[in-house]
Amino acid sequence: MCFSAAASFSTAVILIPAGIYCLKESNQIDKRYWAFAMLPLIFGVQQLFEGGVWLALTHDREVAAHNLALGFLLFSHVFWLGWVAYSSYLTESSVVFRRIFLMAAFLGLIFGVLMYVPLLFNPEWLSVSIKMHSIDYELVFLSDTYVSQHVLAGLYAMMILIPLMLSSDRYHSVLGVMIFLSGIISVAFFDWVFISVWCYFAAIISLYIFYIMMHSSRAVSMVSIKRTR
């Protein structure tokens, strides 16, 4: 499988309008799903950043590549850690799990900020390059002396997946299973560029939300038509 600037930009071109549609439809179908509906849109923006990283690297613009990589990592290492759990919180019916998901969103955001902010003040802690047709983000964290990055990756995956897979909302739980499977594939076949590849797979998978919204919109329209007859 080959990834490129064209792949990232093409994905963004598909996801951004799809995400805008999902957000619009969620407002008509069920307002609780607005955060969930925004996932394709935000993934699309993230892919724009990675497309920019591709272009900067292929034209040997190191400063631009570094700054665009920081933009990509803001989503991957901060935003998703809070947003995914928060979207699960908004649609959860169980009071207990709502509290758990809200706490997970808060802790995930703190975890992400602690990973990300030091990169802003230590440019040498971020190295970005192209390896075997994918982008490799090599990162240094404050915790590296005490905790393996593999352990951090495991904690990261848990903060993303647990709120999805424990959700009583079937749309969230199905998305969680799909992202989990994509994570397994990313580890098995693209371990050296895990961050980039897993985010790309997750971006593609977020089109599942577009399918949900389109199907739900048709169902709502059918009910509305029947009521007017």
Protein backbone atom coordinates (compact mmCIF):
# COMPACT_ATOMS: atom_id res chain seq x y z
CA MET A 1 0.00 0.00 0.00
CA CYS A 2 1.39 3.39 -0.98
CA PHE A 3 0.61 6.69 0.71
CA SER A 4 1.36 10.09 -0.75
CA ALA A 5 0.43 13.76 -0.81
CA ALA A 6 -2.22 12.90 -3.38
CA ALA A 7 -3.72 10.27 -1.06
CA SER A 8 -3.88 12.71 1.87
CA PHE A 9 -5.33 15.59 -0.16
CA SER A 10 -7.83 13.32 -1.94
CA THR A 11 -9.00 11.96 1.40
CA ALA A 12 -9.38 15.51 2.72
CA VAL A 13 -11.40 16.55 -0.33
CA ILE A 14 -13.81 13.68 0.35
CA LEU A 15 -13.99 13.97 4.13
CA ILE A 16 -14.43 17.72 4.57
CA PRO A 17 -17.69 18.05 2.58
CA ALA A 18 -18.86 14.70 3.99
CA GLY A 19 -18.23 16.04 7.48
CA ILE A 20 -20.11 19.26 6.78
CA TYR A 21 -23.04 17.18 5.55
CA CYS A 22 -22.91 14.97 8.67
CA LEU A 23 -22.90 17.98 10.97
CA LYS A 24 -25.85 19.51 9.16
CA GLU A 25 -27.83 16.26 9.25
CA SER A 26 -27.07 15.62 12.92
CA ASN A 27 -28.71 18.94 13.74
CA GLN A 28 -31.89 17.67 12.08
CA ILE A 29 -31.76 14.05 13.30
CA ASP A 30 -30.39 14.21 16.86
CA LYS A 31 -28.39 17.14 18.23
CA ARG A 32 -26.55 14.86 20.67
CA TYR A 33 -24.54 13.52 17.73
CA TRP A 34 -22.97 16.81 16.65
CA ALA A 35 -19.52 15.96 18.03
CA PHE A 36 -19.66 12.45 16.55
CA ALA A 37 -20.81 13.89 13.22
CA MET A 38 -17.83 16.22 13.07
CA LEU A 39 -15.28 13.39 13.03
CA PRO A 40 -15.02 13.15 9.21
CA LEU A 41 -14.63 16.92 8.91
CA ILE A 42 -11.85 17.08 11.49
CA PHE A 43 -10.10 14.04 10.03
CA GLY A 44 -10.24 15.83 6.68
CA VAL A 45 -8.50 18.89 8.11
CA GLN A 46 -5.87 16.64 9.69
CA GLN A 47 -5.22 15.01 6.32
CA LEU A 48 -4.70 18.47 4.81
CA PHE A 49 -1.87 18.99 7.27
CA GLU A 50 -0.31 15.64 6.40
CA GLY A 51 -0.62 16.41 2.70
CA GLY A 52 1.30 19.59 3.42
CA VAL A 53 3.96 17.59 5.27
CA TRP A 54 4.35 15.40 2.19
CA LEU A 55 4.83 18.39 -0.10
CA ALA A 56 7.27 20.11 2.27
CA LEU A 57 9.39 16.97 2.64
CA THR A 58 9.52 16.24 -1.08
CA HIS A 59 10.64 19.85 -1.72
CA ASP A 60 13.23 19.80 1.13
CA ARG A 61 11.46 22.52 3.11
CA GLU A 62 12.41 21.35 6.58
CA VAL A 63 10.94 24.25 8.57
CA ALA A 64 7.60 24.00 6.78
CA ALA A 65 7.57 20.23 7.22
CA HIS A 66 8.23 20.63 10.95
CA ASN A 67 5.48 23.23 11.44
CA LEU A 68 2.94 21.25 9.42
CA ALA A 69 3.87 18.11 11.35
CA LEU A 70 3.09 19.98 14.58
CA GLY A 71 -0.32 20.78 13.10
CA PHE A 72 -0.92 17.11 12.31
CA LEU A 73 0.25 16.02 15.76
CA LEU A 74 -2.02 18.56 17.47
CA PHE A 75 -4.91 16.44 16.19
CA SER A 76 -3.35 13.01 16.71
CA HIS A 77 -1.84 13.61 20.15
CA VAL A 78 -4.19 16.12 21.76
CA PHE A 79 -7.51 16.68 20.03
CA TRP A 80 -8.60 13.07 19.48
CA LEU A 81 -7.79 12.10 23.06
CA GLY A 82 -10.45 14.48 24.32
CA TRP A 83 -12.92 14.68 21.45
CA VAL A 84 -13.66 10.97 20.97
CA ALA A 85 -14.51 10.40 24.64
CA TYR A 86 -16.55 13.62 24.69
CA SER A 87 -18.59 12.51 21.67
CA SER A 88 -19.33 9.24 23.51
CA TYR A 89 -20.33 11.21 26.59
CA LEU A 90 -22.87 13.27 24.64
CA THR A 91 -24.79 10.24 23.34
CA GLU A 92 -24.45 7.92 26.34
CA SER A 93 -27.66 6.90 28.12
CA SER A 94 -26.04 5.47 31.25
CA VAL A 95 -25.35 8.05 33.95
CA VAL A 96 -22.37 6.04 35.22
CA PHE A 97 -20.75 5.73 31.81
CA ARG A 98 -21.45 9.39 31.04
CA ARG A 99 -19.35 10.32 34.06
CA ILE A 100 -16.63 7.87 33.05
CA PHE A 101 -16.51 9.19 29.48
CA LEU A 102 -16.42 12.82 30.61
CA MET A 103 -13.55 12.01 32.97
CA ALA A 104 -11.81 10.10 30.15
CA ALA A 105 -12.12 13.17 27.91
CA PHE A 106 -10.61 15.38 30.61
CA LEU A 107 -7.75 12.99 31.40
CA GLY A 108 -7.12 12.33 27.71
CA LEU A 109 -6.78 16.04 27.05
CA ILE A 110 -4.30 16.45 29.91
CA PHE A 111 -2.34 13.39 28.71
CA GLY A 112 -2.20 14.83 25.20
CA VAL A 113 -1.12 18.29 26.31
CA LEU A 114 1.71 16.79 28.39
CA MET A 115 2.94 14.92 25.31
CA TYR A 116 2.49 17.75 22.84
CA VAL A 117 3.42 21.05 24.50
CA PRO A 118 7.10 20.15 25.15
CA LEU A 119 7.49 19.58 21.39
CA LEU A 120 6.75 23.27 20.84
CA PHE A 121 9.71 24.31 23.00
CA ASN A 122 12.10 21.56 21.92
CA PRO A 123 12.11 21.41 18.10
CA GLU A 124 14.77 18.70 18.13
CA TRP A 125 12.28 16.36 19.83
CA LEU A 126 10.33 16.07 16.59
CA SER A 127 11.85 14.53 13.50
CA VAL A 128 9.73 13.87 10.42
CA SER A 129 10.77 11.93 7.32
CA ILE A 130 9.48 9.65 4.58
CA LYS A 131 10.08 5.95 5.12
CA MET A 132 8.85 3.28 2.73
CA HIS A 133 6.11 5.42 1.17
CA SER A 134 4.78 6.70 4.52
CA ILE A 135 5.55 9.55 6.89
CA ASP A 136 7.50 8.72 10.03
CA TYR A 137 7.07 11.01 13.04
CA GLU A 138 9.92 10.35 15.49
CA LEU A 139 9.08 11.93 18.83
CA VAL A 140 10.77 12.45 22.17
CA PHE A 141 8.61 12.83 25.28
CA LEU A 142 9.40 14.03 28.80
CA SER A 143 8.40 10.62 30.13
CA ASP A 144 10.79 8.63 27.93
CA THR A 145 13.25 8.16 30.80
CA TYR A 146 10.61 6.43 32.89
CA VAL A 147 8.03 4.99 30.52
CA SER A 148 8.49 3.18 27.21
CA GLN A 149 6.83 4.78 24.18
CA HIS A 150 5.16 1.42 23.55
CA VAL A 151 3.44 1.78 26.93
CA LEU A 152 2.39 5.32 26.02
CA ALA A 153 1.04 4.03 22.72
CA GLY A 154 -1.00 1.44 24.63
CA LEU A 155 -2.42 4.11 26.96
CA TYR A 156 -3.20 6.30 23.95
CA ALA A 157 -5.07 3.48 22.21
CA MET A 158 -7.06 2.72 25.36
CA MET A 159 -8.12 6.35 25.76
CA ILE A 160 -9.38 6.37 22.19
CA LEU A 161 -10.97 2.93 22.05
CA ILE A 162 -12.51 2.37 25.49
CA PRO A 163 -15.08 5.23 25.30
CA LEU A 164 -16.11 4.00 21.85
CA MET A 165 -16.31 0.28 22.59
CA LEU A 166 -18.01 0.68 25.99
CA SER A 167 -20.60 3.08 24.62
CA SER A 168 -24.19 1.86 24.74
CA ASP A 169 -24.71 3.70 21.45
CA ARG A 170 -24.23 1.12 18.70
CA TYR A 171 -22.84 3.66 16.23
CA HIS A 172 -19.98 4.48 18.59
CA SER A 173 -19.31 0.85 19.46
CA VAL A 174 -19.22 -0.25 15.81
CA LEU A 175 -16.84 2.60 14.99
CA GLY A 176 -14.70 1.52 17.94
CA VAL A 177 -14.43 -2.03 16.63
CA MET A 178 -13.50 -0.78 13.17
CA ILE A 179 -10.81 1.55 14.51
CA PHE A 180 -9.49 -1.21 16.78
CA LEU A 181 -9.10 -3.56 13.81
CA SER A 182 -7.39 -0.85 11.80
CA GLY A 183 -5.01 -0.35 14.73
CA ILE A 184 -4.13 -4.05 14.72
CA ILE A 185 -3.41 -3.88 10.99
CA SER A 186 -1.30 -0.75 11.46
CA VAL A 187 0.80 -2.41 14.18
CA ALA A 188 1.19 -5.64 12.21
CA PHE A 189 2.16 -4.14 8.86
CA PHE A 190 3.15 -0.50 9.42
CA ASP A 191 4.70 -0.45 12.90
CA TRP A 192 7.51 1.91 11.86
CA VAL A 193 5.01 4.58 10.78
CA PHE A 194 2.12 3.71 13.11
CA ILE A 195 0.97 7.26 13.88
CA SER A 196 0.51 8.30 10.27
CA VAL A 197 -1.03 5.05 9.04
CA TRP A 198 -3.49 4.52 11.91
CA CYS A 199 -4.72 8.11 11.57
CA TYR A 200 -5.14 7.60 7.83
CA PHE A 201 -7.12 4.38 8.30
CA ALA A 202 -9.26 6.03 10.98
CA ALA A 203 -9.92 8.93 8.61
CA ILE A 204 -11.18 6.55 5.91
CA ILE A 205 -13.26 4.63 8.46
CA SER A 206 -14.94 7.86 9.57
CA LEU A 207 -16.89 7.73 6.31
CA TYR A 208 -18.99 5.18 8.19
CA ILE A 209 -20.48 8.21 9.96
CA PHE A 210 -21.46 9.67 6.59
CA TYR A 211 -23.29 6.42 5.84
CA ILE A 212 -25.05 6.58 9.22
CA MET A 213 -26.20 10.15 8.72
CA MET A 214 -27.34 9.55 5.15
CA HIS A 215 -29.30 6.45 6.17
CA SER A 216 -30.81 8.17 9.21
CA SER A 217 -31.75 11.21 7.16
CA ARG A 218 -33.66 9.03 4.72
CA ALA A 219 -35.46 7.30 7.58
CA VAL A 220 -36.46 10.64 9.11
CA SER A 221 -37.67 11.86 5.72
CA MET A 222 -39.79 8.74 5.25
CA VAL A 223 -41.41 9.19 8.67
CA SER A 224 -42.09 12.84 7.90
CA ILE A 225 -43.72 11.95 4.56
CA LYS A 226 -45.95 9.33 6.17
CA ARG A 227 -47.08 11.81 8.82
CA THR A 228 -48.10 14.37 6.20
CA ARG A 229 -50.26 11.90 4.29
